[in-house]
Amino acid sequence: MRVSDLQIKDIVSVNDGKKLGRIVDIDMDINGKINYFVVEERHFFRFFRNSNEINVYMNQIKKIGEDVILVEM
């Protein structure tokens, strides 16, 4: 799976079903291991709000589906 495949999936919290956003960046160590994904929160009126970013660590990912990535935050 490529990072570009992950970037088109919505990130959804399993705790409350809230859509958190989409992956915009990744953080890796010098060995190429992914530490966390940077997720930009999506807002309907994105032009009027500052974008917030959250970090989703690998141990928080519970399931990668066809359309969504389920995370426990």
PDB file of N, CA and C in Angstrom:
ATOM      1  N   MET A   1       0.848  -1.172   0.000  1.00  0.00           N
ATOM      2  CA  MET A   1       0.000   0.000   0.000  1.00  0.00           C
ATOM      3  C   MET A   1       0.894   1.236   0.000  1.00  0.00           C
ATOM      4  N   ARG A   2       0.512   2.219  -0.772  1.00  0.00           N
ATOM      5  CA  ARG A   2       1.270   3.463  -0.861  1.00  0.00           C
ATOM      6  C   ARG A   2       0.658   4.527   0.038  1.00  0.00           C
ATOM      7  N   VAL A   3       1.465   5.515   0.380  1.00  0.00           N
ATOM      8  CA  VAL A   3       0.967   6.623   1.197  1.00  0.00           C
ATOM      9  C   VAL A   3      -0.156   7.349   0.465  1.00  0.00           C
ATOM     10  N   SER A   4      -0.055   7.467  -0.837  1.00  0.00           N
ATOM     11  CA  SER A   4      -1.110   8.137  -1.607  1.00  0.00           C
ATOM     12  C   SER A   4      -2.435   7.371  -1.505  1.00  0.00           C
ATOM     13  N   ASP A   5      -2.384   6.052  -1.333  1.00  0.00           N
ATOM     14  CA  ASP A   5      -3.607   5.272  -1.123  1.00  0.00           C
ATOM     15  C   ASP A   5      -4.226   5.599   0.228  1.00  0.00           C
ATOM     16  N   LEU A   6      -3.394   5.855   1.219  1.00  0.00           N
ATOM     17  CA  LEU A   6      -3.886   6.184   2.555  1.00  0.00           C
ATOM     18  C   LEU A   6      -4.440   7.603   2.621  1.00  0.00           C
ATOM     19  N   GLN A   7      -3.883   8.514   1.824  1.00  0.00           N
ATOM     20  CA  GLN A   7      -4.277   9.918   1.877  1.00  0.00           C
ATOM     21  C   GLN A   7      -5.710  10.162   1.411  1.00  0.00           C
ATOM     22  N   ILE A   8      -6.294   9.270   0.651  1.00  0.00           N
ATOM     23  CA  ILE A   8      -7.661   9.476   0.166  1.00  0.00           C
ATOM     24  C   ILE A   8      -8.703   8.888   1.120  1.00  0.00           C
ATOM     25  N   LYS A   9      -8.240   8.215   2.171  1.00  0.00           N
ATOM     26  CA  LYS A   9      -9.162   7.609   3.141  1.00  0.00           C
ATOM     27  C   LYS A   9      -9.457   8.589   4.276  1.00  0.00           C
ATOM     28  N   ASP A  10     -10.703   8.588   4.742  1.00  0.00           N
ATOM     29  CA  ASP A  10     -11.075   9.400   5.889  1.00  0.00           C
ATOM     30  C   ASP A  10     -10.599   8.715   7.165  1.00  0.00           C
ATOM     31  N   ILE A  11     -10.126   9.502   8.111  1.00  0.00           N
ATOM     32  CA  ILE A  11      -9.724   8.999   9.413  1.00  0.00           C
ATOM     33  C   ILE A  11     -10.922   9.168  10.345  1.00  0.00           C
ATOM     34  N   VAL A  12     -11.380   8.063  10.948  1.00  0.00           N
ATOM     35  CA  VAL A  12     -12.577   8.073  11.787  1.00  0.00           C
ATOM     36  C   VAL A  12     -12.241   7.490  13.151  1.00  0.00           C
ATOM     37  N   SER A  13     -12.708   8.164  14.201  1.00  0.00           N
ATOM     38  CA  SER A  13     -12.492   7.706  15.574  1.00  0.00           C
ATOM     39  C   SER A  13     -13.484   6.594  15.906  1.00  0.00           C
ATOM     40  N   VAL A  14     -12.981   5.486  16.454  1.00  0.00           N
ATOM     41  CA  VAL A  14     -13.872   4.405  16.869  1.00  0.00           C
ATOM     42  C   VAL A  14     -14.581   4.750  18.176  1.00  0.00           C
ATOM     43  N   ASN A  15     -14.056   5.728  18.913  1.00  0.00           N
ATOM     44  CA  ASN A  15     -14.656   6.107  20.186  1.00  0.00           C
ATOM     45  C   ASN A  15     -16.017   6.773  20.008  1.00  0.00           C
ATOM     46  N   ASP A  16     -16.110   7.715  19.060  1.00  0.00           N
ATOM     47  CA  ASP A  16     -17.358   8.455  18.889  1.00  0.00           C
ATOM     48  C   ASP A  16     -17.854   8.523  17.452  1.00  0.00           C
ATOM     49  N   GLY A  17     -17.147   7.900  16.514  1.00  0.00           N
ATOM     50  CA  GLY A  17     -17.568   7.897  15.118  1.00  0.00           C
ATOM     51  C   GLY A  17     -17.287   9.193  14.391  1.00  0.00           C
ATOM     52  N   LYS A  18     -16.559  10.106  15.024  1.00  0.00           N
ATOM     53  CA  LYS A  18     -16.268  11.414  14.435  1.00  0.00           C
ATOM     54  C   LYS A  18     -15.226  11.295  13.331  1.00  0.00           C
ATOM     55  N   LYS A  19     -15.502  11.958  12.222  1.00  0.00           N
ATOM     56  CA  LYS A  19     -14.544  12.023  11.126  1.00  0.00           C
ATOM     57  C   LYS A  19     -13.474  13.046  11.498  1.00  0.00           C
ATOM     58  N   LEU A  20     -12.220  12.596  11.579  1.00  0.00           N
ATOM     59  CA  LEU A  20     -11.133  13.453  12.043  1.00  0.00           C
ATOM     60  C   LEU A  20     -10.458  14.226  10.921  1.00  0.00           C
ATOM     61  N   GLY A  21     -10.452  13.691   9.729  1.00  0.00           N
ATOM     62  CA  GLY A  21      -9.807  14.364   8.605  1.00  0.00           C
ATOM     63  C   GLY A  21      -9.109  13.372   7.707  1.00  0.00           C
ATOM     64  N   ARG A  22      -8.060  13.846   7.043  1.00  0.00           N
ATOM     65  CA  ARG A  22      -7.275  12.994   6.143  1.00  0.00           C
ATOM     66  C   ARG A  22      -5.792  13.196   6.388  1.00  0.00           C
ATOM     67  N   ILE A  23      -5.020  12.192   6.013  1.00  0.00           N
ATOM     68  CA  ILE A  23      -3.570  12.228   6.185  1.00  0.00           C
ATOM     69  C   ILE A  23      -2.973  13.245   5.215  1.00  0.00           C
ATOM     70  N   VAL A  24      -2.147  14.147   5.757  1.00  0.00           N
ATOM     71  CA  VAL A  24      -1.475  15.134   4.915  1.00  0.00           C
ATOM     72  C   VAL A  24       0.038  14.964   4.928  1.00  0.00           C
ATOM     73  N   ASP A  25       0.562  14.223   5.910  1.00  0.00           N
ATOM     74  CA  ASP A  25       2.007  14.056   6.015  1.00  0.00           C
ATOM     75  C   ASP A  25       2.300  12.849   6.899  1.00  0.00           C
ATOM     76  N   ILE A  26       3.540  12.391   6.879  1.00  0.00           N
ATOM     77  CA  ILE A  26       3.957  11.309   7.769  1.00  0.00           C
ATOM     78  C   ILE A  26       5.272  11.698   8.436  1.00  0.00           C
ATOM     79  N   ASP A  27       5.521  11.140   9.608  1.00  0.00           N
ATOM     80  CA  ASP A  27       6.782  11.328  10.307  1.00  0.00           C
ATOM     81  C   ASP A  27       7.458   9.965  10.370  1.00  0.00           C
ATOM     82  N   MET A  28       8.710   9.909   9.876  1.00  0.00           N
ATOM     83  CA  MET A  28       9.462   8.657   9.862  1.00  0.00           C
ATOM     84  C   MET A  28      10.794   8.850  10.567  1.00  0.00           C
ATOM     85  N   ASP A  29      11.320   7.742  11.105  1.00  0.00           N
ATOM     86  CA  ASP A  29      12.660   7.804  11.677  1.00  0.00           C
ATOM     87  C   ASP A  29      13.691   7.584  10.567  1.00  0.00           C
ATOM     88  N   ILE A  30      14.966   7.596  10.920  1.00  0.00           N
ATOM     89  CA  ILE A  30      16.015   7.492   9.899  1.00  0.00           C
ATOM     90  C   ILE A  30      16.061   6.122   9.231  1.00  0.00           C
ATOM     91  N   ASN A  31      15.408   5.119   9.835  1.00  0.00           N
ATOM     92  CA  ASN A  31      15.362   3.774   9.252  1.00  0.00           C
ATOM     93  C   ASN A  31      14.157   3.569   8.348  1.00  0.00           C
ATOM     94  N   GLY A  32      13.306   4.578   8.236  1.00  0.00           N
ATOM     95  CA  GLY A  32      12.138   4.473   7.372  1.00  0.00           C
ATOM     96  C   GLY A  32      10.888   3.968   8.074  1.00  0.00           C
ATOM     97  N   LYS A  33      10.952   3.764   9.388  1.00  0.00           N
ATOM     98  CA  LYS A  33       9.789   3.312  10.147  1.00  0.00           C
ATOM     99  C   LYS A  33       8.867   4.507  10.390  1.00  0.00           C
ATOM    100  N   ILE A  34       7.572   4.315  10.118  1.00  0.00           N
ATOM    101  CA  ILE A  34       6.608   5.391  10.315  1.00  0.00           C
ATOM    102  C   ILE A  34       6.317   5.541  11.800  1.00  0.00           C
ATOM    103  N   ASN A  35       6.514   6.757  12.316  1.00  0.00           N
ATOM    104  CA  ASN A  35       6.202   7.053  13.711  1.00  0.00           C
ATOM    105  C   ASN A  35       4.735   7.421  13.860  1.00  0.00           C
ATOM    106  N   TYR A  36       4.274   8.349  13.025  1.00  0.00           N
ATOM    107  CA  TYR A  36       2.878   8.770  13.078  1.00  0.00           C
ATOM    108  C   TYR A  36       2.465   9.441  11.775  1.00  0.00           C
ATOM    109  N   PHE A  37       1.163   9.517  11.583  1.00  0.00           N
ATOM    110  CA  PHE A  37       0.586  10.234  10.461  1.00  0.00           C
ATOM    111  C   PHE A  37       0.107  11.593  10.950  1.00  0.00           C
ATOM    112  N   VAL A  38       0.307  12.613  10.147  1.00  0.00           N
ATOM    113  CA  VAL A  38      -0.219  13.938  10.453  1.00  0.00           C
ATOM    114  C   VAL A  38      -1.556  14.053   9.730  1.00  0.00           C
ATOM    115  N   VAL A  39      -2.608  14.303  10.514  1.00  0.00           N
ATOM    116  CA  VAL A  39      -3.964  14.376   9.973  1.00  0.00           C
ATOM    117  C   VAL A  39      -4.458  15.813  10.102  1.00  0.00           C
ATOM    118  N   GLU A  40      -4.919  16.370   8.997  1.00  0.00           N
ATOM    119  CA  GLU A  40      -5.490  17.713   9.005  1.00  0.00           C
ATOM    120  C   GLU A  40      -6.991  17.594   9.197  1.00  0.00           C
ATOM    121  N   GLU A  41      -7.487  18.248  10.230  1.00  0.00           N
ATOM    122  CA  GLU A  41      -8.927  18.230  10.474  1.00  0.00           C
ATOM    123  C   GLU A  41      -9.623  18.969   9.348  1.00  0.00           C
ATOM    124  N   ARG A  42     -10.732  18.432   8.903  1.00  0.00           N
ATOM    125  CA  ARG A  42     -11.509  19.035   7.825  1.00  0.00           C
ATOM    126  C   ARG A  42     -12.669  19.818   8.402  1.00  0.00           C
ATOM    127  N   HIS A  43     -12.854  21.001   7.874  1.00  0.00           N
ATOM    128  CA  HIS A  43     -13.978  21.841   8.275  1.00  0.00           C
ATOM    129  C   HIS A  43     -14.721  22.264   7.027  1.00  0.00           C
ATOM    130  N   PHE A  44     -16.041  22.365   7.147  1.00  0.00           N
ATOM    131  CA  PHE A  44     -16.838  22.766   5.996  1.00  0.00           C
ATOM    132  C   PHE A  44     -16.448  24.169   5.537  1.00  0.00           C
ATOM    133  N   PHE A  45     -16.293  25.084   6.492  1.00  0.00           N
ATOM    134  CA  PHE A  45     -15.881  26.441   6.166  1.00  0.00           C
ATOM    135  C   PHE A  45     -14.393  26.593   6.439  1.00  0.00           C
ATOM    136  N   ARG A  46     -13.609  25.846   5.698  1.00  0.00           N
ATOM    137  CA  ARG A  46     -12.178  25.769   5.902  1.00  0.00           C
ATOM    138  C   ARG A  46     -11.485  27.116   5.686  1.00  0.00           C
ATOM    139  N   PHE A  47     -12.062  27.965   4.836  1.00  0.00           N
ATOM    140  CA  PHE A  47     -11.428  29.240   4.542  1.00  0.00           C
ATOM    141  C   PHE A  47     -11.487  30.198   5.724  1.00  0.00           C
ATOM    142  N   PHE A  48     -12.436  30.002   6.611  1.00  0.00           N
ATOM    143  CA  PHE A  48     -12.631  30.913   7.720  1.00  0.00           C
ATOM    144  C   PHE A  48     -11.978  30.434   9.014  1.00  0.00           C
ATOM    145  N   ARG A  49     -11.415  29.246   9.002  1.00  0.00           N
ATOM    146  CA  ARG A  49     -10.828  28.686  10.217  1.00  0.00           C
ATOM    147  C   ARG A  49      -9.390  28.284   9.955  1.00  0.00           C
ATOM    148  N   ASN A  50      -8.605  28.301  10.998  1.00  0.00           N
ATOM    149  CA  ASN A  50      -7.250  27.773  10.904  1.00  0.00           C
ATOM    150  C   ASN A  50      -7.334  26.256  10.874  1.00  0.00           C
ATOM    151  N   SER A  51      -6.455  25.640  10.102  1.00  0.00           N
ATOM    152  CA  SER A  51      -6.475  24.181  10.065  1.00  0.00           C
ATOM    153  C   SER A  51      -5.747  23.647  11.287  1.00  0.00           C
ATOM    154  N   ASN A  52      -6.315  22.647  11.888  1.00  0.00           N
ATOM    155  CA  ASN A  52      -5.714  21.981  13.034  1.00  0.00           C
ATOM    156  C   ASN A  52      -5.162  20.650  12.580  1.00  0.00           C
ATOM    157  N   GLU A  53      -4.021  20.298  13.112  1.00  0.00           N
ATOM    158  CA  GLU A  53      -3.422  19.015  12.795  1.00  0.00           C
ATOM    159  C   GLU A  53      -3.340  18.172  14.060  1.00  0.00           C
ATOM    160  N   ILE A  54      -3.557  16.879  13.873  1.00  0.00           N
ATOM    161  CA  ILE A  54      -3.396  15.946  14.969  1.00  0.00           C
ATOM    162  C   ILE A  54      -2.457  14.840  14.504  1.00  0.00           C
ATOM    163  N   ASN A  55      -1.773  14.225  15.445  1.00  0.00           N
ATOM    164  CA  ASN A  55      -0.873  13.118  15.136  1.00  0.00           C
ATOM    165  C   ASN A  55      -1.567  11.819  15.488  1.00  0.00           C
ATOM    166  N   VAL A  56      -1.570  10.896  14.548  1.00  0.00           N
ATOM    167  CA  VAL A  56      -2.137   9.571  14.768  1.00  0.00           C
ATOM    168  C   VAL A  56      -0.975   8.580  14.727  1.00  0.00           C
ATOM    169  N   TYR A  57      -0.686   8.011  15.895  1.00  0.00           N
ATOM    170  CA  TYR A  57       0.426   7.066  16.008  1.00  0.00           C
ATOM    171  C   TYR A  57      -0.013   5.684  15.533  1.00  0.00           C
ATOM    172  N   MET A  58       0.938   4.898  15.127  1.00  0.00           N
ATOM    173  CA  MET A  58       0.659   3.591  14.541  1.00  0.00           C
ATOM    174  C   MET A  58      -0.124   2.689  15.492  1.00  0.00           C
ATOM    175  N   ASN A  59       0.130   2.777  16.793  1.00  0.00           N
ATOM    176  CA  ASN A  59      -0.582   1.915  17.736  1.00  0.00           C
ATOM    177  C   ASN A  59      -2.030   2.367  17.950  1.00  0.00           C
ATOM    178  N   GLN A  60      -2.402   3.524  17.444  1.00  0.00           N
ATOM    179  CA  GLN A  60      -3.778   4.002  17.545  1.00  0.00           C
ATOM    180  C   GLN A  60      -4.649   3.522  16.392  1.00  0.00           C
ATOM    181  N   ILE A  61      -4.025   3.029  15.321  1.00  0.00           N
ATOM    182  CA  ILE A  61      -4.774   2.546  14.159  1.00  0.00           C
ATOM    183  C   ILE A  61      -5.318   1.163  14.472  1.00  0.00           C
ATOM    184  N   LYS A  62      -6.629   1.013  14.347  1.00  0.00           N
ATOM    185  CA  LYS A  62      -7.279  -0.264  14.650  1.00  0.00           C
ATOM    186  C   LYS A  62      -7.614  -1.051  13.392  1.00  0.00           C
ATOM    187  N   LYS A  63      -7.967  -0.347  12.311  1.00  0.00           N
ATOM    188  CA  LYS A  63      -8.356  -1.046  11.081  1.00  0.00           C
ATOM    189  C   LYS A  63      -8.199  -0.103   9.902  1.00  0.00           C
ATOM    190  N   ILE A  64      -7.650  -0.616   8.815  1.00  0.00           N
ATOM    191  CA  ILE A  64      -7.584   0.134   7.568  1.00  0.00           C
ATOM    192  C   ILE A  64      -8.543  -0.542   6.605  1.00  0.00           C
ATOM    193  N   GLY A  65      -9.631   0.163   6.299  1.00  0.00           N
ATOM    194  CA  GLY A  65     -10.642  -0.364   5.397  1.00  0.00           C
ATOM    195  C   GLY A  65     -10.497   0.199   4.004  1.00  0.00           C
ATOM    196  N   GLU A  66     -11.478  -0.077   3.161  1.00  0.00           N
ATOM    197  CA  GLU A  66     -11.432   0.405   1.787  1.00  0.00           C
ATOM    198  C   GLU A  66     -11.610   1.916   1.693  1.00  0.00           C
ATOM    199  N   ASP A  67     -12.471   2.479   2.569  1.00  0.00           N
ATOM    200  CA  ASP A  67     -12.767   3.906   2.499  1.00  0.00           C
ATOM    201  C   ASP A  67     -12.285   4.693   3.709  1.00  0.00           C
ATOM    202  N   VAL A  68     -12.091   4.024   4.842  1.00  0.00           N
ATOM    203  CA  VAL A  68     -11.738   4.726   6.079  1.00  0.00           C
ATOM    204  C   VAL A  68     -10.612   4.025   6.815  1.00  0.00           C
ATOM    205  N   ILE A  69      -9.980   4.779   7.695  1.00  0.00           N
ATOM    206  CA  ILE A  69      -9.006   4.246   8.637  1.00  0.00           C
ATOM    207  C   ILE A  69      -9.593   4.493  10.017  1.00  0.00           C
ATOM    208  N   LEU A  70      -9.819   3.431  10.775  1.00  0.00           N
ATOM    209  CA  LEU A  70     -10.402   3.547  12.113  1.00  0.00           C
ATOM    210  C   LEU A  70      -9.284   3.666  13.129  1.00  0.00           C
ATOM    211  N   VAL A  71      -9.404   4.691  13.988  1.00  0.00           N
ATOM    212  CA  VAL A  71      -8.378   4.937  15.001  1.00  0.00           C
ATOM    213  C   VAL A  71      -9.028   5.075  16.370  1.00  0.00           C
ATOM    214  N   GLU A  72      -8.258   4.723  17.392  1.00  0.00           N
ATOM    215  CA  GLU A  72      -8.713   4.906  18.764  1.00  0.00           C
ATOM    216  C   GLU A  72      -7.910   6.055  19.371  1.00  0.00           C
ATOM    217  N   MET A  73      -8.577   7.157  19.645  1.00  0.00           N
ATOM    218  CA  MET A  73      -7.900   8.359  20.147  1.00  0.00           C
ATOM    219  C   MET A  73      -8.130   8.511  21.628  1.00  0.00           C
TER     220      MET A  73
END
